[in-house]
Structures are given as C-alpha cells and as structure tokens.
PDB file of N, CA and C in Angstrom:
ATOM      1  N   UNK A   1     -33.001  11.818   9.349  1.00  0.00           N
ATOM      2  CA  UNK A   1     -31.785  11.065   9.591  1.00  0.00           C
ATOM      3  C   UNK A   1     -31.351  10.367   8.299  1.00  0.00           C
ATOM      4  N   UNK A   2     -30.080  10.351   8.053  1.00  0.00           N
ATOM      5  CA  UNK A   2     -29.555   9.711   6.843  1.00  0.00           C
ATOM      6  C   UNK A   2     -29.622   8.190   6.995  1.00  0.00           C
ATOM      7  N   UNK A   3     -29.715   7.511   5.874  1.00  0.00           N
ATOM      8  CA  UNK A   3     -29.807   6.059   5.897  1.00  0.00           C
ATOM      9  C   UNK A   3     -28.439   5.427   5.660  1.00  0.00           C
ATOM     10  N   UNK A   4     -28.359   4.135   5.923  1.00  0.00           N
ATOM     11  CA  UNK A   4     -27.105   3.411   5.703  1.00  0.00           C
ATOM     12  C   UNK A   4     -26.657   3.508   4.244  1.00  0.00           C
ATOM     13  N   UNK A   5     -27.616   3.503   3.323  1.00  0.00           N
ATOM     14  CA  UNK A   5     -27.280   3.617   1.899  1.00  0.00           C
ATOM     15  C   UNK A   5     -26.556   4.940   1.649  1.00  0.00           C
ATOM     16  N   UNK A   6     -27.030   6.006   2.257  1.00  0.00           N
ATOM     17  CA  UNK A   6     -26.403   7.315   2.082  1.00  0.00           C
ATOM     18  C   UNK A   6     -24.989   7.341   2.675  1.00  0.00           C
ATOM     19  N   UNK A   7     -24.749   6.523   3.684  1.00  0.00           N
ATOM     20  CA  UNK A   7     -23.442   6.450   4.319  1.00  0.00           C
ATOM     21  C   UNK A   7     -22.481   5.483   3.626  1.00  0.00           C
ATOM     22  N   UNK A   8     -22.976   4.648   2.711  1.00  0.00           N
ATOM     23  CA  UNK A   8     -22.192   3.514   2.203  1.00  0.00           C
ATOM     24  C   UNK A   8     -20.843   3.914   1.598  1.00  0.00           C
ATOM     25  N   UNK A   9     -20.787   4.975   0.827  1.00  0.00           N
ATOM     26  CA  UNK A   9     -19.512   5.388   0.225  1.00  0.00           C
ATOM     27  C   UNK A   9     -18.492   5.737   1.313  1.00  0.00           C
ATOM     28  N   UNK A  10     -18.951   6.404   2.354  1.00  0.00           N
ATOM     29  CA  UNK A  10     -18.071   6.769   3.460  1.00  0.00           C
ATOM     30  C   UNK A  10     -17.672   5.529   4.267  1.00  0.00           C
ATOM     31  N   UNK A  11     -18.601   4.617   4.464  1.00  0.00           N
ATOM     32  CA  UNK A  11     -18.293   3.357   5.156  1.00  0.00           C
ATOM     33  C   UNK A  11     -17.210   2.604   4.393  1.00  0.00           C
ATOM     34  N   UNK A  12     -17.364   2.515   3.081  1.00  0.00           N
ATOM     35  CA  UNK A  12     -16.364   1.830   2.244  1.00  0.00           C
ATOM     36  C   UNK A  12     -15.000   2.508   2.349  1.00  0.00           C
ATOM     37  N   UNK A  13     -14.989   3.846   2.326  1.00  0.00           N
ATOM     38  CA  UNK A  13     -13.724   4.588   2.447  1.00  0.00           C
ATOM     39  C   UNK A  13     -13.087   4.339   3.808  1.00  0.00           C
ATOM     40  N   UNK A  14     -13.893   4.286   4.843  1.00  0.00           N
ATOM     41  CA  UNK A  14     -13.370   4.018   6.193  1.00  0.00           C
ATOM     42  C   UNK A  14     -12.782   2.609   6.283  1.00  0.00           C
ATOM     43  N   UNK A  15     -13.441   1.648   5.652  1.00  0.00           N
ATOM     44  CA  UNK A  15     -12.919   0.271   5.650  1.00  0.00           C
ATOM     45  C   UNK A  15     -11.573   0.225   4.933  1.00  0.00           C
ATOM     46  N   UNK A  16     -11.486   0.845   3.762  1.00  0.00           N
ATOM     47  CA  UNK A  16     -10.230   0.863   3.000  1.00  0.00           C
ATOM     48  C   UNK A  16      -9.118   1.566   3.789  1.00  0.00           C
ATOM     49  N   UNK A  17      -9.459   2.661   4.425  1.00  0.00           N
ATOM     50  CA  UNK A  17      -8.478   3.419   5.198  1.00  0.00           C
ATOM     51  C   UNK A  17      -8.027   2.635   6.415  1.00  0.00           C
ATOM     52  N   UNK A  18      -8.967   2.023   7.113  1.00  0.00           N
ATOM     53  CA  UNK A  18      -8.630   1.191   8.267  1.00  0.00           C
ATOM     54  C   UNK A  18      -7.657   0.086   7.850  1.00  0.00           C
ATOM     55  N   UNK A  19      -7.942  -0.570   6.744  1.00  0.00           N
ATOM     56  CA  UNK A  19      -7.070  -1.642   6.260  1.00  0.00           C
ATOM     57  C   UNK A  19      -5.694  -1.111   5.864  1.00  0.00           C
ATOM     58  N   UNK A  20      -5.651   0.023   5.162  1.00  0.00           N
ATOM     59  CA  UNK A  20      -4.376   0.619   4.742  1.00  0.00           C
ATOM     60  C   UNK A  20      -3.555   1.041   5.956  1.00  0.00           C
ATOM     61  N   UNK A  21      -4.203   1.632   6.944  1.00  0.00           N
ATOM     62  CA  UNK A  21      -3.495   2.067   8.153  1.00  0.00           C
ATOM     63  C   UNK A  21      -2.990   0.879   8.960  1.00  0.00           C
ATOM     64  N   UNK A  22      -3.788  -0.164   9.055  1.00  0.00           N
ATOM     65  CA  UNK A  22      -3.328  -1.366   9.760  1.00  0.00           C
ATOM     66  C   UNK A  22      -2.131  -1.987   9.039  1.00  0.00           C
ATOM     67  N   UNK A  23      -2.182  -2.028   7.725  1.00  0.00           N
ATOM     68  CA  UNK A  23      -1.064  -2.566   6.947  1.00  0.00           C
ATOM     69  C   UNK A  23       0.180  -1.699   7.126  1.00  0.00           C
ATOM     70  N   UNK A  24      -0.001  -0.387   7.078  1.00  0.00           N
ATOM     71  CA  UNK A  24       1.116   0.534   7.247  1.00  0.00           C
ATOM     72  C   UNK A  24       1.712   0.400   8.647  1.00  0.00           C
ATOM     73  N   UNK A  25       0.861   0.254   9.627  1.00  0.00           N
ATOM     74  CA  UNK A  25       1.300   0.071  11.020  1.00  0.00           C
ATOM     75  C   UNK A  25       2.218  -1.148  11.147  1.00  0.00           C
ATOM     76  N   UNK A  26       1.740  -2.278  10.649  1.00  0.00           N
ATOM     77  CA  UNK A  26       2.520  -3.527  10.736  1.00  0.00           C
ATOM     78  C   UNK A  26       3.798  -3.424   9.901  1.00  0.00           C
ATOM     79  N   UNK A  27       3.690  -2.868   8.703  1.00  0.00           N
ATOM     80  CA  UNK A  27       4.858  -2.728   7.831  1.00  0.00           C
ATOM     81  C   UNK A  27       5.892  -1.784   8.442  1.00  0.00           C
ATOM     82  N   UNK A  28       5.441  -0.706   9.059  1.00  0.00           N
ATOM     83  CA  UNK A  28       6.363   0.248   9.678  1.00  0.00           C
ATOM     84  C   UNK A  28       7.151  -0.388  10.817  1.00  0.00           C
ATOM     85  N   UNK A  29       6.509  -1.270  11.549  1.00  0.00           N
ATOM     86  CA  UNK A  29       7.190  -1.936  12.657  1.00  0.00           C
ATOM     87  C   UNK A  29       8.341  -2.823  12.182  1.00  0.00           C
ATOM     88  N   UNK A  30       8.336  -3.164  10.898  1.00  0.00           N
ATOM     89  CA  UNK A  30       9.388  -4.022  10.328  1.00  0.00           C
ATOM     90  C   UNK A  30      10.533  -3.213   9.721  1.00  0.00           C
ATOM     91  N   UNK A  31      10.399  -1.890   9.676  1.00  0.00           N
ATOM     92  CA  UNK A  31      11.419  -1.030   9.062  1.00  0.00           C
ATOM     93  C   UNK A  31      12.611  -0.834  10.001  1.00  0.00           C
ATOM     94  N   UNK A  32      13.767  -0.566   9.415  1.00  0.00           N
ATOM     95  CA  UNK A  32      14.986  -0.325  10.198  1.00  0.00           C
ATOM     96  C   UNK A  32      14.974   1.042  10.870  1.00  0.00           C
ATOM     97  N   UNK A  33      14.338   2.013  10.227  1.00  0.00           N
ATOM     98  CA  UNK A  33      14.318   3.370  10.777  1.00  0.00           C
ATOM     99  C   UNK A  33      13.096   3.592  11.674  1.00  0.00           C
ATOM    100  N   UNK A  34      12.888   2.668  12.580  1.00  0.00           N
ATOM    101  CA  UNK A  34      11.714   2.650  13.456  1.00  0.00           C
ATOM    102  C   UNK A  34      11.538   3.966  14.225  1.00  0.00           C
ATOM    103  N   UNK A  35      12.622   4.516  14.715  1.00  0.00           N
ATOM    104  CA  UNK A  35      12.527   5.751  15.501  1.00  0.00           C
ATOM    105  C   UNK A  35      11.934   6.896  14.681  1.00  0.00           C
ATOM    106  N   UNK A  36      12.300   6.991  13.414  1.00  0.00           N
ATOM    107  CA  UNK A  36      11.781   8.077  12.575  1.00  0.00           C
ATOM    108  C   UNK A  36      10.319   7.853  12.203  1.00  0.00           C
ATOM    109  N   UNK A  37       9.834   6.632  12.370  1.00  0.00           N
ATOM    110  CA  UNK A  37       8.447   6.302  12.014  1.00  0.00           C
ATOM    111  C   UNK A  37       7.507   6.313  13.222  1.00  0.00           C
ATOM    112  N   UNK A  38       8.030   6.647  14.387  1.00  0.00           N
ATOM    113  CA  UNK A  38       7.244   6.553  15.630  1.00  0.00           C
ATOM    114  C   UNK A  38       5.900   7.274  15.539  1.00  0.00           C
ATOM    115  N   UNK A  39       5.903   8.522  15.102  1.00  0.00           N
ATOM    116  CA  UNK A  39       4.656   9.289  15.025  1.00  0.00           C
ATOM    117  C   UNK A  39       3.730   8.729  13.942  1.00  0.00           C
ATOM    118  N   UNK A  40       4.292   8.279  12.861  1.00  0.00           N
ATOM    119  CA  UNK A  40       3.496   7.675  11.803  1.00  0.00           C
ATOM    120  C   UNK A  40       2.814   6.388  12.302  1.00  0.00           C
ATOM    121  N   UNK A  41       3.554   5.597  13.037  1.00  0.00           N
ATOM    122  CA  UNK A  41       3.006   4.357  13.604  1.00  0.00           C
ATOM    123  C   UNK A  41       1.854   4.677  14.555  1.00  0.00           C
ATOM    124  N   UNK A  42       2.057   5.672  15.416  1.00  0.00           N
ATOM    125  CA  UNK A  42       1.008   6.059  16.373  1.00  0.00           C
ATOM    126  C   UNK A  42      -0.247   6.533  15.634  1.00  0.00           C
ATOM    127  N   UNK A  43      -0.060   7.363  14.602  1.00  0.00           N
ATOM    128  CA  UNK A  43      -1.212   7.872  13.865  1.00  0.00           C
ATOM    129  C   UNK A  43      -1.887   6.788  13.023  1.00  0.00           C
ATOM    130  N   UNK A  44      -1.126   5.810  12.533  1.00  0.00           N
ATOM    131  CA  UNK A  44      -1.748   4.669  11.840  1.00  0.00           C
ATOM    132  C   UNK A  44      -2.754   3.984  12.761  1.00  0.00           C
ATOM    133  N   UNK A  45      -2.364   3.786  14.011  1.00  0.00           N
ATOM    134  CA  UNK A  45      -3.258   3.134  14.982  1.00  0.00           C
ATOM    135  C   UNK A  45      -4.469   4.004  15.266  1.00  0.00           C
ATOM    136  N   UNK A  46      -4.224   5.300  15.510  1.00  0.00           N
ATOM    137  CA  UNK A  46      -5.323   6.234  15.790  1.00  0.00           C
ATOM    138  C   UNK A  46      -6.321   6.256  14.636  1.00  0.00           C
ATOM    139  N   UNK A  47      -5.794   6.310  13.431  1.00  0.00           N
ATOM    140  CA  UNK A  47      -6.632   6.414  12.246  1.00  0.00           C
ATOM    141  C   UNK A  47      -7.447   5.135  12.029  1.00  0.00           C
ATOM    142  N   UNK A  48      -6.798   3.984  12.153  1.00  0.00           N
ATOM    143  CA  UNK A  48      -7.525   2.719  11.998  1.00  0.00           C
ATOM    144  C   UNK A  48      -8.637   2.607  13.037  1.00  0.00           C
ATOM    145  N   UNK A  49      -8.339   3.017  14.265  1.00  0.00           N
ATOM    146  CA  UNK A  49      -9.336   2.922  15.342  1.00  0.00           C
ATOM    147  C   UNK A  49     -10.517   3.858  15.114  1.00  0.00           C
ATOM    148  N   UNK A  50     -10.259   5.115  14.714  1.00  0.00           N
ATOM    149  CA  UNK A  50     -11.371   6.050  14.510  1.00  0.00           C
ATOM    150  C   UNK A  50     -12.192   5.649  13.288  1.00  0.00           C
ATOM    151  N   UNK A  51     -11.542   5.086  12.278  1.00  0.00           N
ATOM    152  CA  UNK A  51     -12.306   4.617  11.113  1.00  0.00           C
ATOM    153  C   UNK A  51     -13.239   3.480  11.510  1.00  0.00           C
ATOM    154  N   UNK A  52     -12.745   2.572  12.321  1.00  0.00           N
ATOM    155  CA  UNK A  52     -13.579   1.467  12.809  1.00  0.00           C
ATOM    156  C   UNK A  52     -14.762   2.008  13.610  1.00  0.00           C
ATOM    157  N   UNK A  53     -14.479   2.968  14.474  1.00  0.00           N
ATOM    158  CA  UNK A  53     -15.538   3.561  15.288  1.00  0.00           C
ATOM    159  C   UNK A  53     -16.552   4.311  14.422  1.00  0.00           C
ATOM    160  N   UNK A  54     -16.067   5.026  13.409  1.00  0.00           N
ATOM    161  CA  UNK A  54     -16.954   5.766  12.512  1.00  0.00           C
ATOM    162  C   UNK A  54     -17.875   4.820  11.744  1.00  0.00           C
ATOM    163  N   UNK A  55     -17.329   3.684  11.312  1.00  0.00           N
ATOM    164  CA  UNK A  55     -18.149   2.675  10.620  1.00  0.00           C
ATOM    165  C   UNK A  55     -19.293   2.240  11.530  1.00  0.00           C
ATOM    166  N   UNK A  56     -18.953   1.932  12.760  1.00  0.00           N
ATOM    167  CA  UNK A  56     -19.980   1.503  13.721  1.00  0.00           C
ATOM    168  C   UNK A  56     -21.017   2.598  13.950  1.00  0.00           C
ATOM    169  N   UNK A  57     -20.560   3.833  14.092  1.00  0.00           N
ATOM    170  CA  UNK A  57     -21.471   4.957  14.330  1.00  0.00           C
ATOM    171  C   UNK A  57     -22.413   5.161  13.148  1.00  0.00           C
ATOM    172  N   UNK A  58     -21.875   5.034  11.928  1.00  0.00           N
ATOM    173  CA  UNK A  58     -22.724   5.208  10.748  1.00  0.00           C
ATOM    174  C   UNK A  58     -23.752   4.091  10.648  1.00  0.00           C
ATOM    175  N   UNK A  59     -23.335   2.852  10.900  1.00  0.00           N
ATOM    176  CA  UNK A  59     -24.270   1.733  10.740  1.00  0.00           C
ATOM    177  C   UNK A  59     -25.359   1.731  11.809  1.00  0.00           C
ATOM    178  N   UNK A  60     -25.096   2.322  12.955  1.00  0.00           N
ATOM    179  CA  UNK A  60     -26.151   2.389  13.986  1.00  0.00           C
ATOM    180  C   UNK A  60     -26.823   3.752  14.032  1.00  0.00           C
ATOM    181  N   UNK A  61     -26.466   4.638  13.087  1.00  0.00           N
ATOM    182  CA  UNK A  61     -27.052   5.974  12.981  1.00  0.00           C
ATOM    183  C   UNK A  61     -26.963   6.731  14.302  1.00  0.00           C
ATOM    184  N   UNK A  62     -25.755   6.802  14.814  1.00  0.00           N
ATOM    185  CA  UNK A  62     -25.484   7.504  16.065  1.00  0.00           C
ATOM    186  C   UNK A  62     -25.931   8.968  15.976  1.00  0.00           C
ATOM    187  N   UNK A  63     -26.506   9.493  17.053  1.00  0.00           N
ATOM    188  CA  UNK A  63     -26.860  10.918  17.052  1.00  0.00           C
ATOM    189  C   UNK A  63     -25.614  11.819  17.099  1.00  0.00           C
ATOM    190  N   UNK A  64     -24.448  11.234  17.322  1.00  0.00           N
ATOM    191  CA  UNK A  64     -23.196  11.984  17.380  1.00  0.00           C
ATOM    192  C   UNK A  64     -22.389  11.874  16.088  1.00  0.00           C
ATOM    193  N   UNK A  65     -23.028  11.416  15.019  1.00  0.00           N
ATOM    194  CA  UNK A  65     -22.310  11.092  13.790  1.00  0.00           C
ATOM    195  C   UNK A  65     -21.556  12.287  13.205  1.00  0.00           C
ATOM    196  N   UNK A  66     -22.114  13.463  13.239  1.00  0.00           N
ATOM    197  CA  UNK A  66     -21.433  14.627  12.665  1.00  0.00           C
ATOM    198  C   UNK A  66     -20.104  14.871  13.378  1.00  0.00           C
ATOM    199  N   UNK A  67     -20.119  14.806  14.699  1.00  0.00           N
ATOM    200  CA  UNK A  67     -18.889  15.006  15.479  1.00  0.00           C
ATOM    201  C   UNK A  67     -17.888  13.884  15.237  1.00  0.00           C
ATOM    202  N   UNK A  68     -18.371  12.662  15.183  1.00  0.00           N
ATOM    203  CA  UNK A  68     -17.492  11.507  14.972  1.00  0.00           C
ATOM    204  C   UNK A  68     -16.835  11.595  13.593  1.00  0.00           C
ATOM    205  N   UNK A  69     -17.604  11.946  12.573  1.00  0.00           N
ATOM    206  CA  UNK A  69     -17.053  12.058  11.219  1.00  0.00           C
ATOM    207  C   UNK A  69     -16.060  13.212  11.102  1.00  0.00           C
ATOM    208  N   UNK A  70     -16.324  14.308  11.797  1.00  0.00           N
ATOM    209  CA  UNK A  70     -15.359  15.424  11.800  1.00  0.00           C
ATOM    210  C   UNK A  70     -14.051  14.984  12.450  1.00  0.00           C
ATOM    211  N   UNK A  71     -14.149  14.273  13.564  1.00  0.00           N
ATOM    212  CA  UNK A  71     -12.952  13.774  14.236  1.00  0.00           C
ATOM    213  C   UNK A  71     -12.215  12.776  13.347  1.00  0.00           C
ATOM    214  N   UNK A  72     -12.953  11.902  12.691  1.00  0.00           N
ATOM    215  CA  UNK A  72     -12.342  10.934  11.768  1.00  0.00           C
ATOM    216  C   UNK A  72     -11.597  11.673  10.659  1.00  0.00           C
ATOM    217  N   UNK A  73     -12.204  12.701  10.105  1.00  0.00           N
ATOM    218  CA  UNK A  73     -11.551  13.492   9.050  1.00  0.00           C
ATOM    219  C   UNK A  73     -10.274  14.136   9.569  1.00  0.00           C
ATOM    220  N   UNK A  74     -10.327  14.700  10.769  1.00  0.00           N
ATOM    221  CA  UNK A  74      -9.147  15.351  11.351  1.00  0.00           C
ATOM    222  C   UNK A  74      -7.999  14.360  11.543  1.00  0.00           C
ATOM    223  N   UNK A  75      -8.316  13.173  12.061  1.00  0.00           N
ATOM    224  CA  UNK A  75      -7.280  12.168  12.310  1.00  0.00           C
ATOM    225  C   UNK A  75      -6.751  11.607  10.991  1.00  0.00           C
ATOM    226  N   UNK A  76      -7.630  11.383  10.019  1.00  0.00           N
ATOM    227  CA  UNK A  76      -7.178  10.916   8.699  1.00  0.00           C
ATOM    228  C   UNK A  76      -6.225  11.928   8.070  1.00  0.00           C
ATOM    229  N   UNK A  77      -6.549  13.207   8.171  1.00  0.00           N
ATOM    230  CA  UNK A  77      -5.681  14.252   7.617  1.00  0.00           C
ATOM    231  C   UNK A  77      -4.328  14.277   8.327  1.00  0.00           C
ATOM    232  N   UNK A  78      -4.340  14.147   9.648  1.00  0.00           N
ATOM    233  CA  UNK A  78      -3.090  14.125  10.411  1.00  0.00           C
ATOM    234  C   UNK A  78      -2.240  12.922  10.020  1.00  0.00           C
ATOM    235  N   UNK A  79      -2.879  11.781   9.831  1.00  0.00           N
ATOM    236  CA  UNK A  79      -2.171  10.563   9.433  1.00  0.00           C
ATOM    237  C   UNK A  79      -1.563  10.728   8.041  1.00  0.00           C
ATOM    238  N   UNK A  80      -2.332  11.280   7.116  1.00  0.00           N
ATOM    239  CA  UNK A  80      -1.828  11.512   5.752  1.00  0.00           C
ATOM    240  C   UNK A  80      -0.654  12.481   5.766  1.00  0.00           C
ATOM    241  N   UNK A  81      -0.758  13.540   6.549  1.00  0.00           N
ATOM    242  CA  UNK A  81       0.321  14.528   6.617  1.00  0.00           C
ATOM    243  C   UNK A  81       1.601  13.921   7.184  1.00  0.00           C
ATOM    244  N   UNK A  82       1.466  13.118   8.224  1.00  0.00           N
ATOM    245  CA  UNK A  82       2.647  12.478   8.817  1.00  0.00           C
ATOM    246  C   UNK A  82       3.232  11.439   7.858  1.00  0.00           C
ATOM    247  N   UNK A  83       2.374  10.643   7.234  1.00  0.00           N
ATOM    248  CA  UNK A  83       2.836   9.610   6.301  1.00  0.00           C
ATOM    249  C   UNK A  83       3.550  10.222   5.103  1.00  0.00           C
ATOM    250  N   UNK A  84       3.176  11.446   4.722  1.00  0.00           N
ATOM    251  CA  UNK A  84       3.795  12.087   3.561  1.00  0.00           C
ATOM    252  C   UNK A  84       5.257  12.462   3.819  1.00  0.00           C
ATOM    253  N   UNK A  85       5.708  12.355   5.050  1.00  0.00           N
ATOM    254  CA  UNK A  85       7.109  12.632   5.390  1.00  0.00           C
ATOM    255  C   UNK A  85       8.016  11.429   5.113  1.00  0.00           C
ATOM    256  N   UNK A  86       7.405  10.295   4.738  1.00  0.00           N
ATOM    257  CA  UNK A  86       8.156   9.050   4.563  1.00  0.00           C
ATOM    258  C   UNK A  86       8.038   8.538   3.131  1.00  0.00           C
ATOM    259  N   UNK A  87       9.031   7.790   2.701  1.00  0.00           N
ATOM    260  CA  UNK A  87       9.087   7.316   1.315  1.00  0.00           C
ATOM    261  C   UNK A  87       8.621   5.876   1.134  1.00  0.00           C
ATOM    262  N   UNK A  88       8.263   5.207   2.203  1.00  0.00           N
ATOM    263  CA  UNK A  88       7.870   3.798   2.111  1.00  0.00           C
ATOM    264  C   UNK A  88       6.582   3.639   1.302  1.00  0.00           C
ATOM    265  N   UNK A  89       6.490   2.557   0.554  1.00  0.00           N
ATOM    266  CA  UNK A  89       5.302   2.284  -0.274  1.00  0.00           C
ATOM    267  C   UNK A  89       4.039   2.230   0.581  1.00  0.00           C
ATOM    268  N   UNK A  90       4.119   1.556   1.730  1.00  0.00           N
ATOM    269  CA  UNK A  90       2.933   1.431   2.578  1.00  0.00           C
ATOM    270  C   UNK A  90       2.476   2.796   3.094  1.00  0.00           C
ATOM    271  N   UNK A  91       3.391   3.733   3.257  1.00  0.00           N
ATOM    272  CA  UNK A  91       3.009   5.096   3.660  1.00  0.00           C
ATOM    273  C   UNK A  91       2.274   5.807   2.526  1.00  0.00           C
ATOM    274  N   UNK A  92       2.740   5.620   1.298  1.00  0.00           N
ATOM    275  CA  UNK A  92       2.109   6.276   0.146  1.00  0.00           C
ATOM    276  C   UNK A  92       0.673   5.780  -0.053  1.00  0.00           C
ATOM    277  N   UNK A  93       0.458   4.478   0.112  1.00  0.00           N
ATOM    278  CA  UNK A  93      -0.897   3.931   0.004  1.00  0.00           C
ATOM    279  C   UNK A  93      -1.794   4.515   1.095  1.00  0.00           C
ATOM    280  N   UNK A  94      -1.254   4.607   2.273  1.00  0.00           N
ATOM    281  CA  UNK A  94      -1.986   5.137   3.416  1.00  0.00           C
ATOM    282  C   UNK A  94      -2.419   6.589   3.152  1.00  0.00           C
ATOM    283  N   UNK A  95      -1.543   7.382   2.584  1.00  0.00           N
ATOM    284  CA  UNK A  95      -1.834   8.789   2.298  1.00  0.00           C
ATOM    285  C   UNK A  95      -3.071   8.912   1.408  1.00  0.00           C
ATOM    286  N   UNK A  96      -3.088   8.158   0.332  1.00  0.00           N
ATOM    287  CA  UNK A  96      -4.200   8.222  -0.627  1.00  0.00           C
ATOM    288  C   UNK A  96      -5.534   7.875   0.036  1.00  0.00           C
ATOM    289  N   UNK A  97      -5.556   6.769   0.768  1.00  0.00           N
ATOM    290  CA  UNK A  97      -6.793   6.349   1.422  1.00  0.00           C
ATOM    291  C   UNK A  97      -7.213   7.329   2.509  1.00  0.00           C
ATOM    292  N   UNK A  98      -6.257   7.825   3.287  1.00  0.00           N
ATOM    293  CA  UNK A  98      -6.574   8.777   4.358  1.00  0.00           C
ATOM    294  C   UNK A  98      -7.163  10.072   3.811  1.00  0.00           C
ATOM    295  N   UNK A  99      -6.586  10.578   2.743  1.00  0.00           N
ATOM    296  CA  UNK A  99      -7.083  11.852   2.175  1.00  0.00           C
ATOM    297  C   UNK A  99      -8.487  11.682   1.601  1.00  0.00           C
ATOM    298  N   UNK A 100      -8.718  10.574   0.915  1.00  0.00           N
ATOM    299  CA  UNK A 100     -10.050  10.307   0.366  1.00  0.00           C
ATOM    300  C   UNK A 100     -11.073  10.165   1.494  1.00  0.00           C
ATOM    301  N   UNK A 101     -10.720   9.413   2.516  1.00  0.00           N
ATOM    302  CA  UNK A 101     -11.627   9.200   3.647  1.00  0.00           C
ATOM    303  C   UNK A 101     -11.911  10.519   4.364  1.00  0.00           C
ATOM    304  N   UNK A 102     -10.879  11.321   4.561  1.00  0.00           N
ATOM    305  CA  UNK A 102     -11.056  12.614   5.232  1.00  0.00           C
ATOM    306  C   UNK A 102     -12.053  13.486   4.468  1.00  0.00           C
ATOM    307  N   UNK A 103     -11.912  13.532   3.155  1.00  0.00           N
ATOM    308  CA  UNK A 103     -12.815  14.363   2.335  1.00  0.00           C
ATOM    309  C   UNK A 103     -14.258  13.874   2.438  1.00  0.00           C
ATOM    310  N   UNK A 104     -14.448  12.558   2.354  1.00  0.00           N
ATOM    311  CA  UNK A 104     -15.806  12.012   2.441  1.00  0.00           C
ATOM    312  C   UNK A 104     -16.401  12.223   3.834  1.00  0.00           C
ATOM    313  N   UNK A 105     -15.608  11.981   4.871  1.00  0.00           N
ATOM    314  CA  UNK A 105     -16.100  12.171   6.240  1.00  0.00           C
ATOM    315  C   UNK A 105     -16.472  13.623   6.494  1.00  0.00           C
ATOM    316  N   UNK A 106     -15.621  14.538   6.024  1.00  0.00           N
ATOM    317  CA  UNK A 106     -15.889  15.961   6.234  1.00  0.00           C
ATOM    318  C   UNK A 106     -17.175  16.363   5.511  1.00  0.00           C
ATOM    319  N   UNK A 107     -17.325  15.929   4.276  1.00  0.00           N
ATOM    320  CA  UNK A 107     -18.521  16.241   3.494  1.00  0.00           C
ATOM    321  C   UNK A 107     -19.774  15.661   4.157  1.00  0.00           C
ATOM    322  N   UNK A 108     -19.696  14.431   4.581  1.00  0.00           N
ATOM    323  CA  UNK A 108     -20.850  13.771   5.192  1.00  0.00           C
ATOM    324  C   UNK A 108     -21.167  14.361   6.565  1.00  0.00           C
ATOM    325  N   UNK A 109     -20.145  14.801   7.284  1.00  0.00           N
ATOM    326  CA  UNK A 109     -20.394  15.403   8.599  1.00  0.00           C
ATOM    327  C   UNK A 109     -21.214  16.676   8.450  1.00  0.00           C
ATOM    328  N   UNK A 110     -20.956  17.421   7.377  1.00  0.00           N
ATOM    329  CA  UNK A 110     -21.719  18.637   7.115  1.00  0.00           C
ATOM    330  C   UNK A 110     -23.151  18.290   6.716  1.00  0.00           C
ATOM    331  N   UNK A 111     -23.323  17.244   5.910  1.00  0.00           N
ATOM    332  CA  UNK A 111     -24.651  16.812   5.501  1.00  0.00           C
ATOM    333  C   UNK A 111     -25.428  16.240   6.683  1.00  0.00           C
ATOM    334  N   UNK A 112     -24.731  15.541   7.581  1.00  0.00           N
ATOM    335  CA  UNK A 112     -25.392  14.919   8.737  1.00  0.00           C
ATOM    336  C   UNK A 112     -25.991  15.979   9.641  1.00  0.00           C
ATOM    337  N   UNK A 113     -25.342  17.122   9.739  1.00  0.00           N
ATOM    338  CA  UNK A 113     -25.864  18.220  10.564  1.00  0.00           C
ATOM    339  C   UNK A 113     -27.160  18.732   9.952  1.00  0.00           C
ATOM    340  N   UNK A 114     -27.196  18.828   8.634  1.00  0.00           N
ATOM    341  CA  UNK A 114     -28.373  19.334   7.932  1.00  0.00           C
ATOM    342  C   UNK A 114     -29.556  18.368   8.068  1.00  0.00           C
ATOM    343  N   UNK A 115     -29.273  17.054   7.961  1.00  0.00           N
ATOM    344  CA  UNK A 115     -30.344  16.069   7.918  1.00  0.00           C
ATOM    345  C   UNK A 115     -30.690  15.466   9.278  1.00  0.00           C
ATOM    346  N   UNK A 116     -29.906  15.739  10.282  1.00  0.00           N
ATOM    347  CA  UNK A 116     -30.130  15.109  11.590  1.00  0.00           C
ATOM    348  C   UNK A 116     -31.414  15.583  12.217  1.00  0.00           C
TER     349      UNK A 116
END
C-alpha cells in the first residue's frame, strides 16, 4: 500500500484544484452571462467535491483509491474542457489546476493498482 508521503503531491494538487474550482464557482455566479456558464458552474462544484473526497481517500488509504483517483481525473478533465470555452480569468486558472490534478490523479491511480 502506498504511504501518505507518496500521495502528497497529488493531495497538494487536489487542494489547489478544489480551491480554484470553488473560487471559479463563486466568481461565475457573479458574471452577467450566467446562463452560458451553467455547465461550468456545475462542473466547478463536481470537481471541488471529488477533489475533497480524493484527499480524504488518500489520507485514509482507502482500498478504493485507484477508482476514486480515476474518477477525480475524469471530472477534472471535464471541468477543464468546459472552462476552456470561457474567457474569464477565474476559468483560465481553473483549467491549469484541473489539468495538472487530472494528470497526477491518473498517474497515481495506475500506480495504486500496482502497489495495492
């Protein structure tokens, strides 16, 4: 089983992504073009929630960590793809963090299967 130290880079990425998505969520709600941001707002929430859950799963060394990290990567990628349709600064920040988190989660999910 992998240790918390081995998960730390991914935990940090999840924290940064959760924060960026929460910020993007709140900032999007203040925009005038709210209707065009609806899907982005929904995915910001989904992404922040799965990142929070992934952090918890990693810190308690869940036996389901590979699946949770794969799901986190999928949702982060979906959030980044949706955010890339918008020009707002908070969306651009979200894209960067989501893509980085997705890559780390995907990589670690593959390693977790090997070491579990």
